[in-house]
Amino acid sequence: MADQQLAFVHMPKTAGTTFDRILMGLMPLMGKPRVRADGTIYGQFLGPDKTEAADYFRNVEKERILQSSFFAGHVTLPVWRERIVPD
């Protein structure tokens, strides 16, 4: 997968958070760029420091996303397509 991107779909209660943390730790060791869209989805679990991950994804530089080997965050498929697929 040296020249590929990984889009990980987290299914609840399947160790997705653990898998995410492992990959987030490995990417810097491998010298691979990564992007994490911190935040929540659909306004769930909002607190004073939480934002929507989709908003982060919409605002991050597209070039940074395209150059990343690993992307994580609560981003729905329509938002992903909005930023990636049209090109």
N, C-alpha and C. Protein backbone atom coordinates (compact mmCIF):
# COMPACT_ATOMS: atom_id res chain seq x y z
N MET A 1 0.81 -1.20 0.00
CA MET A 1 0.00 0.00 0.00
C MET A 1 0.85 1.26 0.00
N ALA A 2 2.07 1.17 -0.43
CA ALA A 2 2.97 2.31 -0.35
C ALA A 2 2.45 3.54 -1.09
N ASP A 3 1.74 3.34 -2.18
CA ASP A 3 1.25 4.48 -2.95
C ASP A 3 -0.26 4.63 -2.88
N GLN A 4 -0.87 4.08 -1.84
CA GLN A 4 -2.32 4.10 -1.72
C GLN A 4 -2.74 4.83 -0.45
N GLN A 5 -4.01 5.22 -0.43
CA GLN A 5 -4.59 5.81 0.77
C GLN A 5 -5.47 4.76 1.43
N LEU A 6 -5.61 4.87 2.73
CA LEU A 6 -6.47 3.97 3.49
C LEU A 6 -7.62 4.77 4.05
N ALA A 7 -8.84 4.36 3.75
CA ALA A 7 -10.03 4.95 4.35
C ALA A 7 -10.62 3.86 5.24
N PHE A 8 -10.58 4.08 6.53
CA PHE A 8 -11.03 3.09 7.50
C PHE A 8 -12.44 3.44 7.96
N VAL A 9 -13.34 2.52 7.78
CA VAL A 9 -14.71 2.70 8.23
C VAL A 9 -14.84 2.02 9.59
N HIS A 10 -15.08 2.82 10.60
CA HIS A 10 -15.16 2.31 11.97
C HIS A 10 -16.56 1.80 12.24
N MET A 11 -16.64 0.53 12.54
CA MET A 11 -17.91 -0.07 12.93
C MET A 11 -17.91 -0.19 14.44
N PRO A 12 -18.94 0.32 15.12
CA PRO A 12 -18.96 0.31 16.58
C PRO A 12 -18.72 -1.07 17.19
N LYS A 13 -17.98 -1.05 18.28
CA LYS A 13 -17.69 -2.25 19.08
C LYS A 13 -16.86 -3.29 18.34
N THR A 14 -15.98 -2.84 17.43
CA THR A 14 -15.11 -3.78 16.71
C THR A 14 -13.64 -3.40 16.85
N ALA A 15 -13.28 -2.73 17.94
CA ALA A 15 -11.90 -2.30 18.23
C ALA A 15 -11.41 -1.23 17.26
N GLY A 16 -12.32 -0.48 16.68
CA GLY A 16 -11.94 0.56 15.73
C GLY A 16 -11.10 1.66 16.35
N THR A 17 -11.40 2.05 17.58
CA THR A 17 -10.61 3.09 18.23
C THR A 17 -9.18 2.60 18.46
N THR A 18 -9.04 1.37 18.87
CA THR A 18 -7.70 0.80 19.06
C THR A 18 -6.95 0.76 17.74
N PHE A 19 -7.61 0.31 16.69
CA PHE A 19 -6.99 0.26 15.36
C PHE A 19 -6.58 1.65 14.91
N ASP A 20 -7.44 2.63 15.13
CA ASP A 20 -7.15 4.01 14.78
C ASP A 20 -5.90 4.50 15.50
N ARG A 21 -5.82 4.24 16.78
CA ARG A 21 -4.66 4.70 17.58
C ARG A 21 -3.37 4.02 17.13
N ILE A 22 -3.45 2.76 16.78
CA ILE A 22 -2.26 2.04 16.29
C ILE A 22 -1.78 2.68 14.99
N LEU A 23 -2.69 2.90 14.05
CA LEU A 23 -2.30 3.50 12.78
C LEU A 23 -1.79 4.93 12.96
N MET A 24 -2.41 5.69 13.84
CA MET A 24 -1.94 7.06 14.10
C MET A 24 -0.53 7.06 14.66
N GLY A 25 -0.20 6.03 15.45
CA GLY A 25 1.16 5.91 15.98
C GLY A 25 2.16 5.42 14.95
N LEU A 26 1.73 4.56 14.05
CA LEU A 26 2.63 4.00 13.04
C LEU A 26 2.97 4.97 11.93
N MET A 27 2.04 5.79 11.53
CA MET A 27 2.27 6.68 10.39
C MET A 27 3.51 7.56 10.57
N PRO A 28 3.70 8.23 11.71
CA PRO A 28 4.91 9.04 11.86
C PRO A 28 6.19 8.19 11.84
N LEU A 29 6.13 7.00 12.41
CA LEU A 29 7.30 6.13 12.42
C LEU A 29 7.68 5.69 11.01
N MET A 30 6.67 5.59 10.15
CA MET A 30 6.90 5.19 8.76
C MET A 30 7.14 6.39 7.85
N GLY A 31 7.07 7.60 8.42
CA GLY A 31 7.26 8.81 7.64
C GLY A 31 6.11 9.09 6.69
N LYS A 32 4.92 8.62 7.05
CA LYS A 32 3.74 8.80 6.21
C LYS A 32 2.90 9.95 6.73
N PRO A 33 2.42 10.82 5.84
CA PRO A 33 1.54 11.90 6.29
C PRO A 33 0.17 11.36 6.69
N ARG A 34 -0.46 12.05 7.64
CA ARG A 34 -1.77 11.62 8.11
C ARG A 34 -2.61 12.85 8.45
N VAL A 35 -3.91 12.67 8.44
CA VAL A 35 -4.85 13.73 8.81
C VAL A 35 -5.86 13.12 9.75
N ARG A 36 -6.16 13.82 10.82
CA ARG A 36 -7.21 13.40 11.76
C ARG A 36 -8.21 14.53 11.86
N ALA A 37 -9.44 14.25 11.48
CA ALA A 37 -10.52 15.23 11.58
C ALA A 37 -11.14 15.08 12.97
N ASP A 38 -10.60 15.82 13.90
CA ASP A 38 -11.11 15.75 15.26
C ASP A 38 -12.49 16.37 15.33
N GLY A 39 -13.31 15.80 16.16
CA GLY A 39 -14.65 16.34 16.35
C GLY A 39 -15.67 15.23 16.43
N THR A 40 -16.88 15.64 16.41
CA THR A 40 -18.00 14.72 16.57
C THR A 40 -18.76 14.63 15.25
N ILE A 41 -19.84 13.89 15.26
CA ILE A 41 -20.65 13.73 14.07
C ILE A 41 -22.11 13.98 14.41
N TYR A 42 -22.77 14.76 13.57
CA TYR A 42 -24.19 15.07 13.75
C TYR A 42 -24.51 15.70 15.10
N GLY A 43 -23.55 16.43 15.66
CA GLY A 43 -23.81 17.12 16.91
C GLY A 43 -23.86 16.25 18.15
N GLN A 44 -23.51 14.99 18.03
CA GLN A 44 -23.50 14.10 19.20
C GLN A 44 -22.30 14.43 20.07
N PHE A 45 -22.47 14.29 21.35
CA PHE A 45 -21.39 14.45 22.33
C PHE A 45 -20.72 15.81 22.26
N LEU A 46 -21.47 16.82 21.89
CA LEU A 46 -20.87 18.15 21.83
C LEU A 46 -20.58 18.67 23.23
N GLY A 47 -19.50 19.32 23.33
CA GLY A 47 -19.09 19.98 24.56
C GLY A 47 -18.43 21.28 24.17
N PRO A 48 -17.91 22.01 25.12
CA PRO A 48 -17.33 23.31 24.81
C PRO A 48 -16.12 23.23 23.87
N ASP A 49 -15.44 22.10 23.83
CA ASP A 49 -14.25 21.97 22.99
C ASP A 49 -14.45 21.07 21.77
N LYS A 50 -15.69 20.64 21.53
CA LYS A 50 -15.95 19.71 20.42
C LYS A 50 -16.58 20.45 19.24
N THR A 51 -16.11 20.14 18.08
CA THR A 51 -16.66 20.68 16.85
C THR A 51 -17.07 19.51 15.95
N GLU A 52 -17.66 19.82 14.83
CA GLU A 52 -18.04 18.78 13.88
C GLU A 52 -16.81 18.37 13.06
N ALA A 53 -16.54 17.08 13.00
CA ALA A 53 -15.41 16.59 12.20
C ALA A 53 -15.59 16.93 10.73
N ALA A 54 -16.83 16.92 10.25
CA ALA A 54 -17.09 17.25 8.85
C ALA A 54 -16.67 18.68 8.54
N ASP A 55 -16.87 19.60 9.48
CA ASP A 55 -16.45 20.99 9.27
C ASP A 55 -14.94 21.07 9.15
N TYR A 56 -14.24 20.32 10.00
CA TYR A 56 -12.77 20.28 9.90
C TYR A 56 -12.36 19.77 8.52
N PHE A 57 -12.98 18.67 8.10
CA PHE A 57 -12.65 18.05 6.82
C PHE A 57 -12.93 18.99 5.66
N ARG A 58 -14.01 19.74 5.75
CA ARG A 58 -14.35 20.69 4.68
C ARG A 58 -13.34 21.84 4.61
N ASN A 59 -12.70 22.15 5.73
CA ASN A 59 -11.80 23.30 5.78
C ASN A 59 -10.32 22.96 5.65
N VAL A 60 -9.96 21.70 5.81
CA VAL A 60 -8.55 21.34 5.69
C VAL A 60 -8.14 21.43 4.22
N GLU A 61 -6.90 21.79 3.98
CA GLU A 61 -6.43 21.94 2.60
C GLU A 61 -6.58 20.62 1.85
N LYS A 62 -7.18 20.68 0.69
CA LYS A 62 -7.42 19.46 -0.09
C LYS A 62 -6.11 18.76 -0.43
N GLU A 63 -5.08 19.51 -0.73
CA GLU A 63 -3.78 18.92 -1.05
C GLU A 63 -3.26 18.08 0.12
N ARG A 64 -3.49 18.56 1.33
CA ARG A 64 -3.05 17.80 2.52
C ARG A 64 -3.79 16.46 2.61
N ILE A 65 -5.07 16.46 2.29
CA ILE A 65 -5.84 15.22 2.30
C ILE A 65 -5.32 14.27 1.23
N LEU A 66 -5.13 14.78 0.04
CA LEU A 66 -4.70 13.94 -1.08
C LEU A 66 -3.30 13.36 -0.87
N GLN A 67 -2.45 14.07 -0.12
CA GLN A 67 -1.10 13.59 0.13
C GLN A 67 -1.01 12.65 1.33
N SER A 68 -2.08 12.55 2.08
CA SER A 68 -2.07 11.74 3.29
C SER A 68 -2.20 10.25 2.98
N SER A 69 -1.49 9.46 3.74
CA SER A 69 -1.59 8.00 3.62
C SER A 69 -2.69 7.46 4.50
N PHE A 70 -3.06 8.23 5.52
CA PHE A 70 -4.06 7.76 6.47
C PHE A 70 -4.91 8.94 6.89
N PHE A 71 -6.21 8.77 6.82
CA PHE A 71 -7.15 9.79 7.24
C PHE A 71 -8.10 9.17 8.24
N ALA A 72 -8.35 9.85 9.34
CA ALA A 72 -9.28 9.34 10.35
C ALA A 72 -10.19 10.45 10.81
N GLY A 73 -11.35 10.08 11.29
CA GLY A 73 -12.29 11.04 11.82
C GLY A 73 -13.70 10.65 11.46
N HIS A 74 -14.64 11.25 12.14
CA HIS A 74 -16.05 10.97 11.90
C HIS A 74 -16.55 11.81 10.74
N VAL A 75 -16.33 11.30 9.54
CA VAL A 75 -16.74 12.00 8.34
C VAL A 75 -17.62 11.06 7.53
N THR A 76 -18.78 11.54 7.17
CA THR A 76 -19.71 10.71 6.41
C THR A 76 -19.28 10.58 4.95
N LEU A 77 -19.76 9.55 4.30
CA LEU A 77 -19.41 9.34 2.89
C LEU A 77 -19.79 10.52 2.01
N PRO A 78 -20.97 11.13 2.18
CA PRO A 78 -21.28 12.30 1.35
C PRO A 78 -20.28 13.44 1.52
N VAL A 79 -19.80 13.67 2.73
CA VAL A 79 -18.81 14.74 2.95
C VAL A 79 -17.49 14.35 2.31
N TRP A 80 -17.11 13.08 2.42
CA TRP A 80 -15.88 12.59 1.79
C TRP A 80 -15.96 12.80 0.27
N ARG A 81 -17.08 12.40 -0.30
CA ARG A 81 -17.26 12.55 -1.75
C ARG A 81 -17.25 14.02 -2.17
N GLU A 82 -17.80 14.84 -1.34
CA GLU A 82 -17.85 16.29 -1.62
C GLU A 82 -16.44 16.84 -1.83
N ARG A 83 -15.48 16.35 -1.07
CA ARG A 83 -14.11 16.85 -1.14
C ARG A 83 -13.22 16.06 -2.09
N ILE A 84 -13.45 14.77 -2.24
CA ILE A 84 -12.50 13.92 -2.96
C ILE A 84 -12.98 13.49 -4.35
N VAL A 85 -14.15 12.92 -4.43
CA VAL A 85 -14.60 12.26 -5.66
C VAL A 85 -14.76 13.20 -6.86
N PRO A 86 -15.26 14.42 -6.71
CA PRO A 86 -15.48 15.25 -7.90
C PRO A 86 -14.23 15.41 -8.76
N ASP A 87 -13.05 15.37 -8.15
CA ASP A 87 -11.80 15.50 -8.93
C ASP A 87 -11.37 14.16 -9.47
